[in-house]
Amino acid sequence: MPSRTEFGCLPTAIGSMPHTDPDEACSVILKYLPDIPVWPQLPKRAPEEGMVSQCSEGFPGLVIDGDRILFRPSAGFEGDLEQIYADSEEGNAGRYGISAEYAAGLAAFLSRASGTPVVKGQIVGPVTWGLTVTGEDGLGILYDDTLADTAARFLRLKASWQENELRKLARNTIIFVDEPHLVSLGSVFTPIPEEKVPLLLNQVFRGIRGVRGLHCCGNSNWSVLLDTDIDILSFDACNYASSLSAHSEKVGSFLERGGGIAWGIVPSDEDALAGESLSSLRDRLEDSMAMFTRDGIRFRQIVGQGLITPSCGLASLSPEVATRALELTSELSRDLRSRYVT
């Protein structure tokens, strides 16, 4: 972890955008997020750009069957899995790239973004990937210890390749591992072995040299996540600030050892966003942060080690509404920095 993640509530985003034109998506991002631009995931452009599919390219035995991603091992797949293991141990990420077919937004971003000290990328996490990719029996491969470990190592190599590409644009990188399925942590309906989560996440984080973020857009067992090898916890502050504040002692320790919080305070829901303004967002964010100061965390530390983001990806919105979300994210960041960051 860096000695301290002093972002001073700069704005950035989770990643997905509703555009089908990658250049248009990049233009919007570079306009409103010039300090920490993020490459756009474009799931409406092609099925390959869905967050799980995008990071599945090259994994042995995967078959797309309608809306499902199936693992159908063929002869020799064990050797392929052994190769992933060996490459992860040796750091050989070169063969684990994400092609323009699967990430047109990344390709466009790499050709357009420059002159910024920090860039942000993202990759799906091993829990979400392992629950989405299933065997013929419909059971996620997360429940197979060998396949789950191999998948985490595969994503580690994908993250490493991506970061190497982004470092051609900027010396400093932030890579978020996106884990929407961690809302199931502790659920009786989708049981996830709790002890497995940090092991798999940390396996992916080992492939990231820069700042490591973890994004979960719902409620979760925050104490488990804060104990992983992350530098930033990204969460939906619109709906779950009180949930996270129940773990304020753990959050305080996380901040003291240099971590930061990405406050997803700008709604990624169109109806909710329509009723927001700069002042309403500022009031809600300050109220959310105050929950933590009651337990002794300094307000200026929260601000100093924070980022401002939308609550989740923006792909479900129209391009116009997504642009408004980024505009509000930028305006709120600028307002907070003028008030509290010297």
Protein backbone atom coordinates (compact mmCIF):
# COMPACT_ATOMS: atom_id res chain seq x y z
CA MET A 1 0.00 0.00 0.00
CA PRO A 2 1.26 3.54 -0.70
CA SER A 3 2.20 5.42 2.46
CA ARG A 4 -1.08 7.37 2.16
CA THR A 5 -3.63 7.69 -0.64
CA GLU A 6 -3.99 11.49 -0.65
CA PHE A 7 -6.45 12.09 -3.47
CA GLY A 8 -8.26 14.97 -1.80
CA CYS A 9 -11.67 13.92 -3.17
CA LEU A 10 -10.66 14.08 -6.82
CA PRO A 11 -13.33 12.71 -9.17
CA THR A 12 -13.22 9.46 -11.11
CA ALA A 13 -15.71 6.77 -12.19
CA ILE A 14 -16.37 3.05 -11.92
CA GLY A 15 -15.96 2.39 -15.63
CA SER A 16 -19.02 1.36 -17.63
CA MET A 17 -20.64 3.88 -19.98
CA PRO A 18 -23.78 3.65 -22.17
CA HIS A 19 -22.13 4.69 -25.42
CA THR A 20 -21.52 2.51 -28.44
CA ASP A 21 -18.91 4.87 -29.89
CA PRO A 22 -15.69 4.46 -27.89
CA ASP A 23 -14.30 7.83 -28.98
CA GLU A 24 -17.44 9.61 -27.78
CA ALA A 25 -17.24 7.86 -24.43
CA CYS A 26 -13.57 8.79 -24.05
CA SER A 27 -14.31 12.42 -24.89
CA VAL A 28 -16.90 12.68 -22.11
CA ILE A 29 -14.60 11.03 -19.59
CA LEU A 30 -11.58 13.16 -20.46
CA LYS A 31 -13.70 16.32 -20.21
CA TYR A 32 -15.14 15.67 -16.75
CA LEU A 33 -12.47 13.46 -15.17
CA PRO A 34 -9.20 15.04 -16.34
CA ASP A 35 -7.28 14.29 -13.13
CA ILE A 36 -8.06 10.56 -12.95
CA PRO A 37 -9.58 9.48 -16.27
CA VAL A 38 -10.88 5.94 -16.60
CA TRP A 39 -11.18 3.82 -19.71
CA PRO A 40 -14.82 3.13 -20.63
CA GLN A 41 -16.39 -0.31 -20.66
CA LEU A 42 -19.12 -0.34 -23.33
CA PRO A 43 -21.49 -3.30 -22.76
CA LYS A 44 -24.11 -1.83 -25.12
CA ARG A 45 -21.59 -1.90 -27.98
CA ALA A 46 -21.19 -5.68 -27.95
CA PRO A 47 -21.83 -8.66 -25.64
CA GLU A 48 -18.07 -9.17 -25.41
CA GLU A 49 -17.83 -5.91 -23.42
CA GLY A 50 -19.91 -7.19 -20.53
CA MET A 51 -17.77 -7.08 -17.41
CA VAL A 52 -17.39 -10.86 -17.11
CA SER A 53 -17.10 -11.64 -20.83
CA GLN A 54 -14.53 -8.87 -21.25
CA CYS A 55 -12.14 -10.61 -18.89
CA SER A 56 -12.83 -14.14 -20.12
CA GLU A 57 -10.95 -13.92 -23.41
CA GLY A 58 -8.38 -16.71 -23.50
CA PHE A 59 -9.53 -18.77 -20.53
CA PRO A 60 -9.44 -22.44 -21.60
CA GLY A 61 -12.72 -24.27 -22.08
CA LEU A 62 -15.10 -21.29 -21.99
CA VAL A 63 -18.14 -21.31 -24.27
CA ILE A 64 -20.70 -18.53 -24.68
CA ASP A 65 -24.17 -20.11 -24.76
CA GLY A 66 -26.76 -17.35 -25.05
CA ASP A 67 -26.60 -15.35 -21.83
CA ARG A 68 -24.49 -17.99 -20.11
CA ILE A 69 -20.73 -18.44 -19.97
CA LEU A 70 -20.01 -22.14 -19.59
CA PHE A 71 -16.89 -24.02 -18.69
CA ARG A 72 -16.61 -27.07 -20.95
CA PRO A 73 -13.13 -28.52 -20.54
CA SER A 74 -11.63 -30.15 -23.59
CA ALA A 75 -8.76 -32.59 -23.84
CA GLY A 76 -5.56 -31.01 -22.63
CA PHE A 77 -7.23 -28.29 -20.56
CA GLU A 78 -5.26 -29.34 -17.47
CA GLY A 79 -2.08 -28.34 -19.25
CA ASP A 80 -3.62 -24.97 -20.05
CA LEU A 81 -4.49 -24.45 -16.39
CA GLU A 82 -0.94 -25.35 -15.41
CA GLN A 83 0.33 -22.74 -17.87
CA ILE A 84 -1.80 -20.06 -16.20
CA TYR A 85 -0.37 -21.09 -12.85
CA ALA A 86 3.19 -20.92 -14.13
CA ASP A 87 2.65 -17.57 -15.86
CA SER A 88 1.15 -16.06 -12.73
CA GLU A 89 4.12 -17.18 -10.65
CA GLU A 90 6.58 -15.78 -13.18
CA GLY A 91 4.64 -12.61 -14.01
CA ASN A 92 4.29 -13.46 -17.70
CA ALA A 93 1.26 -11.29 -18.50
CA GLY A 94 2.01 -10.64 -22.17
CA ARG A 95 -0.31 -13.33 -23.54
CA TYR A 96 -3.26 -12.26 -21.36
CA GLY A 97 -4.25 -9.05 -23.10
CA ILE A 98 -7.77 -7.77 -23.74
CA SER A 99 -8.29 -7.24 -27.46
CA ALA A 100 -10.14 -4.32 -29.05
CA GLU A 101 -12.98 -6.74 -29.88
CA TYR A 102 -13.58 -7.18 -26.16
CA ALA A 103 -12.62 -3.66 -25.02
CA ALA A 104 -12.99 -1.03 -27.73
CA GLY A 105 -13.11 1.62 -24.99
CA LEU A 106 -9.70 0.59 -23.69
CA ALA A 107 -8.19 0.64 -27.18
CA ALA A 108 -9.59 4.12 -27.81
CA PHE A 109 -8.46 5.35 -24.40
CA LEU A 110 -4.91 4.13 -24.95
CA SER A 111 -4.75 6.09 -28.20
CA ARG A 112 -6.26 9.31 -26.81
CA ALA A 113 -5.44 9.81 -23.13
CA SER A 114 -2.13 11.44 -22.26
CA GLY A 115 -0.67 14.15 -20.09
CA THR A 116 -2.32 13.08 -16.85
CA PRO A 117 -0.36 11.88 -13.81
CA VAL A 118 -2.87 9.14 -12.90
CA VAL A 119 -5.13 6.83 -14.92
CA LYS A 120 -7.67 4.31 -13.69
CA GLY A 121 -8.62 0.89 -15.00
CA GLN A 122 -10.85 -1.90 -13.79
CA ILE A 123 -11.29 -5.63 -13.96
CA VAL A 124 -13.99 -8.01 -12.78
CA GLY A 125 -13.21 -9.73 -9.51
CA PRO A 126 -12.72 -13.47 -8.99
CA VAL A 127 -15.86 -13.97 -6.89
CA THR A 128 -18.17 -12.35 -9.44
CA TRP A 129 -16.36 -14.11 -12.31
CA GLY A 130 -16.43 -17.44 -10.50
CA LEU A 131 -20.15 -17.24 -9.78
CA THR A 132 -21.06 -16.13 -13.31
CA VAL A 133 -19.00 -18.73 -15.18
CA THR A 134 -20.66 -22.09 -14.58
CA GLY A 135 -20.30 -25.74 -15.38
CA GLU A 136 -22.95 -27.68 -17.27
CA ASP A 137 -24.62 -28.34 -13.91
CA GLY A 138 -25.23 -24.61 -13.49
CA LEU A 139 -22.90 -24.36 -10.49
CA GLY A 140 -20.39 -21.53 -10.50
CA ILE A 141 -16.78 -22.58 -10.83
CA LEU A 142 -16.11 -20.61 -7.65
CA TYR A 143 -17.09 -23.77 -5.79
CA ASP A 144 -14.30 -25.80 -7.42
CA ASP A 145 -11.14 -24.93 -5.49
CA THR A 146 -8.77 -25.62 -8.39
CA LEU A 147 -10.78 -23.66 -10.95
CA ALA A 148 -11.40 -20.78 -8.53
CA ASP A 149 -7.67 -20.42 -7.83
CA THR A 150 -6.84 -20.66 -11.53
CA ALA A 151 -9.47 -18.04 -12.37
CA ALA A 152 -8.02 -15.67 -9.77
CA ARG A 153 -4.54 -16.16 -11.23
CA PHE A 154 -5.93 -15.61 -14.73
CA LEU A 155 -7.52 -12.31 -13.64
CA ARG A 156 -4.27 -11.39 -11.89
CA LEU A 157 -2.49 -11.70 -15.24
CA LYS A 158 -5.25 -9.72 -17.00
CA ALA A 159 -4.90 -6.95 -14.41
CA SER A 160 -1.13 -6.93 -14.79
CA TRP A 161 -1.35 -6.70 -18.59
CA GLN A 162 -3.87 -3.86 -18.34
CA GLU A 163 -1.78 -1.94 -15.85
CA ASN A 164 1.30 -2.29 -18.05
CA GLU A 165 -0.67 -0.76 -20.93
CA LEU A 166 -2.00 2.09 -18.80
CA ARG A 167 1.50 2.89 -17.54
CA LYS A 168 2.35 3.89 -21.09
CA LEU A 169 0.00 6.85 -20.50
CA ALA A 170 0.82 7.72 -16.90
CA ARG A 171 3.34 6.67 -14.30
CA ASN A 172 0.67 6.20 -11.64
CA THR A 173 -2.20 3.74 -11.95
CA ILE A 174 -5.30 2.79 -10.05
CA ILE A 175 -6.93 -0.57 -10.83
CA PHE A 176 -10.33 -1.35 -9.33
CA VAL A 177 -11.40 -4.94 -8.91
CA ASP A 178 -15.18 -4.85 -9.40
CA GLU A 179 -17.12 -7.30 -7.24
CA PRO A 180 -20.90 -6.77 -7.41
CA HIS A 181 -21.50 -10.36 -6.28
CA LEU A 182 -19.93 -9.65 -2.91
CA VAL A 183 -23.38 -8.48 -1.87
CA SER A 184 -24.01 -12.22 -1.46
CA LEU A 185 -21.33 -12.52 1.20
CA GLY A 186 -23.16 -14.03 4.16
CA SER A 187 -26.26 -14.86 2.11
CA VAL A 188 -28.00 -18.21 2.55
CA PHE A 189 -29.16 -18.08 -1.07
CA THR A 190 -25.73 -17.75 -2.70
CA PRO A 191 -23.34 -19.07 -0.07
CA ILE A 192 -19.80 -17.84 -0.54
CA PRO A 193 -17.19 -19.36 1.75
CA GLU A 194 -16.05 -16.28 3.66
CA GLU A 195 -12.51 -17.54 4.16
CA LYS A 196 -12.15 -17.94 0.39
CA VAL A 197 -12.86 -14.28 -0.45
CA PRO A 198 -9.64 -12.63 0.80
CA LEU A 199 -7.51 -15.42 -0.65
CA LEU A 200 -8.98 -15.00 -4.13
CA LEU A 201 -8.99 -11.20 -4.03
CA ASN A 202 -5.42 -10.99 -2.81
CA GLN A 203 -4.38 -13.35 -5.58
CA VAL A 204 -5.64 -10.78 -8.11
CA PHE A 205 -4.15 -7.83 -6.21
CA ARG A 206 -0.69 -9.40 -6.50
CA GLY A 207 -0.79 -8.53 -10.20
CA ILE A 208 -1.26 -4.80 -9.51
CA ARG A 209 1.79 -2.68 -8.74
CA GLY A 210 -0.03 0.63 -8.36
CA VAL A 211 -3.03 1.55 -6.24
CA ARG A 212 -5.44 -1.33 -5.68
CA GLY A 213 -9.14 -0.62 -5.39
CA LEU A 214 -12.11 -2.84 -4.60
CA HIS A 215 -15.59 -1.80 -5.72
CA CYS A 216 -18.77 -3.32 -4.30
CA CYS A 217 -22.02 -1.57 -5.23
CA GLY A 218 -24.22 -3.15 -2.55
CA ASN A 219 -24.10 -4.17 1.08
CA SER A 220 -21.45 -6.64 2.18
CA ASN A 221 -19.36 -7.78 5.10
CA TRP A 222 -17.14 -4.70 5.02
CA SER A 223 -14.76 -5.96 7.70
CA VAL A 224 -13.74 -8.89 5.51
CA LEU A 225 -13.13 -6.58 2.54
CA LEU A 226 -11.17 -4.01 4.54
CA ASP A 227 -8.79 -6.75 5.66
CA THR A 228 -7.75 -7.56 2.09
CA ASP A 229 -4.73 -6.01 0.35
CA ILE A 230 -6.61 -2.93 -0.88
CA ASP A 231 -5.67 0.73 -0.91
CA ILE A 232 -9.17 2.02 -1.77
CA LEU A 233 -12.62 0.75 -0.85
CA SER A 234 -15.21 1.94 -3.38
CA PHE A 235 -18.85 1.72 -2.32
CA ASP A 236 -22.34 3.03 -2.99
CA ALA A 237 -22.49 5.92 -0.52
CA CYS A 238 -26.00 6.84 -1.69
CA ASN A 239 -27.48 3.76 -0.07
CA TYR A 240 -24.92 2.08 2.18
CA ALA A 241 -23.07 4.76 4.18
CA SER A 242 -24.80 3.70 7.39
CA SER A 243 -23.93 0.07 6.67
CA LEU A 244 -20.25 0.89 6.29
CA SER A 245 -20.32 3.20 9.33
CA ALA A 246 -21.27 0.18 11.45
CA HIS A 247 -17.66 -0.87 10.84
CA SER A 248 -16.20 2.56 11.62
CA GLU A 249 -13.46 1.17 13.87
CA LYS A 250 -12.24 -1.00 11.01
CA VAL A 251 -12.57 1.95 8.60
CA GLY A 252 -10.53 4.11 10.98
CA SER A 253 -7.74 1.52 11.10
CA PHE A 254 -7.85 1.26 7.32
CA LEU A 255 -7.44 5.02 6.94
CA GLU A 256 -4.65 5.13 9.52
CA ARG A 257 -2.62 2.59 7.59
CA GLY A 258 -2.98 4.72 4.44
CA GLY A 259 -6.17 3.53 2.79
CA GLY A 260 -8.83 5.66 1.16
CA ILE A 261 -12.56 5.57 0.50
CA ALA A 262 -14.17 6.19 -2.90
CA TRP A 263 -17.51 7.77 -2.06
CA GLY A 264 -20.06 6.70 -4.68
CA ILE A 265 -22.43 9.52 -3.82
CA VAL A 266 -23.72 10.45 -7.30
CA PRO A 267 -26.67 8.17 -8.16
CA SER A 268 -26.31 5.87 -11.15
CA ASP A 269 -30.10 5.52 -11.34
CA GLU A 270 -31.81 7.93 -13.73
CA ASP A 271 -34.82 8.74 -11.54
CA ALA A 272 -32.68 9.34 -8.46
CA LEU A 273 -30.21 11.43 -10.40
CA ALA A 274 -32.97 13.68 -11.78
CA GLY A 275 -33.70 15.00 -8.30
CA GLU A 276 -30.10 15.80 -7.40
CA SER A 277 -28.13 19.03 -7.44
CA LEU A 278 -24.70 20.05 -6.28
CA SER A 279 -26.06 21.25 -2.93
CA SER A 280 -28.15 18.12 -2.29
CA LEU A 281 -25.20 15.86 -3.06
CA ARG A 282 -22.85 17.88 -0.88
CA ASP A 283 -25.30 17.77 2.03
CA ARG A 284 -25.78 14.02 1.70
CA LEU A 285 -22.07 13.36 1.44
CA GLU A 286 -21.20 15.51 4.42
CA ASP A 287 -23.93 13.78 6.45
CA SER A 288 -22.53 10.41 5.40
CA MET A 289 -18.99 11.35 6.35
CA ALA A 290 -20.23 12.70 9.68
CA MET A 291 -21.35 9.18 10.65
CA PHE A 292 -17.66 8.24 10.80
CA THR A 293 -16.44 11.36 12.62
CA ARG A 294 -18.74 10.50 15.55
CA ASP A 295 -16.44 7.56 16.19
CA GLY A 296 -13.30 9.65 16.17
CA ILE A 297 -12.21 9.68 12.53
CA ARG A 298 -11.14 13.17 11.48
CA PHE A 299 -13.30 14.76 8.79
CA ARG A 300 -10.32 16.20 6.95
CA GLN A 301 -8.67 12.79 6.90
CA ILE A 302 -11.79 11.32 5.28
CA VAL A 303 -11.78 14.09 2.67
CA GLY A 304 -8.03 14.03 2.14
CA GLN A 305 -7.95 10.28 1.53
CA GLY A 306 -11.15 10.16 -0.48
CA LEU A 307 -12.33 10.00 -4.07
CA ILE A 308 -15.71 11.08 -5.46
CA THR A 309 -17.47 8.75 -7.91
CA PRO A 310 -20.88 7.72 -9.17
CA SER A 311 -22.42 4.98 -7.05
CA CYS A 312 -21.85 2.36 -9.75
CA GLY A 313 -21.30 2.03 -13.49
CA LEU A 314 -23.34 4.25 -15.81
CA ALA A 315 -24.10 1.81 -18.63
CA SER A 316 -27.81 1.59 -17.78
CA LEU A 317 -28.31 5.32 -18.38
CA SER A 318 -28.70 7.25 -21.59
CA PRO A 319 -25.52 8.97 -22.83
CA GLU A 320 -27.01 12.36 -21.87
CA VAL A 321 -27.84 11.29 -18.32
CA ALA A 322 -24.47 9.58 -17.91
CA THR A 323 -22.81 12.82 -18.95
CA ARG A 324 -24.85 14.65 -16.30
CA ALA A 325 -23.70 12.13 -13.67
CA LEU A 326 -20.05 12.80 -14.50
CA GLU A 327 -20.70 16.54 -14.57
CA LEU A 328 -22.14 16.40 -11.04
CA THR A 329 -19.26 14.19 -9.90
CA SER A 330 -16.81 16.78 -11.18
CA GLU A 331 -18.72 19.73 -9.71
CA LEU A 332 -19.01 18.09 -6.29
CA SER A 333 -15.32 17.28 -6.22
CA ARG A 334 -14.40 20.84 -7.14
CA ASP A 335 -16.72 22.23 -4.47
CA LEU A 336 -15.33 19.96 -1.74
CA ARG A 337 -11.75 20.69 -2.68
CA SER A 338 -12.35 24.44 -2.57
CA ARG A 339 -13.85 24.09 0.93
CA TYR A 340 -11.62 21.56 2.62
CA VAL A 341 -8.45 20.79 0.63
CA THR A 342 -5.66 23.32 0.95
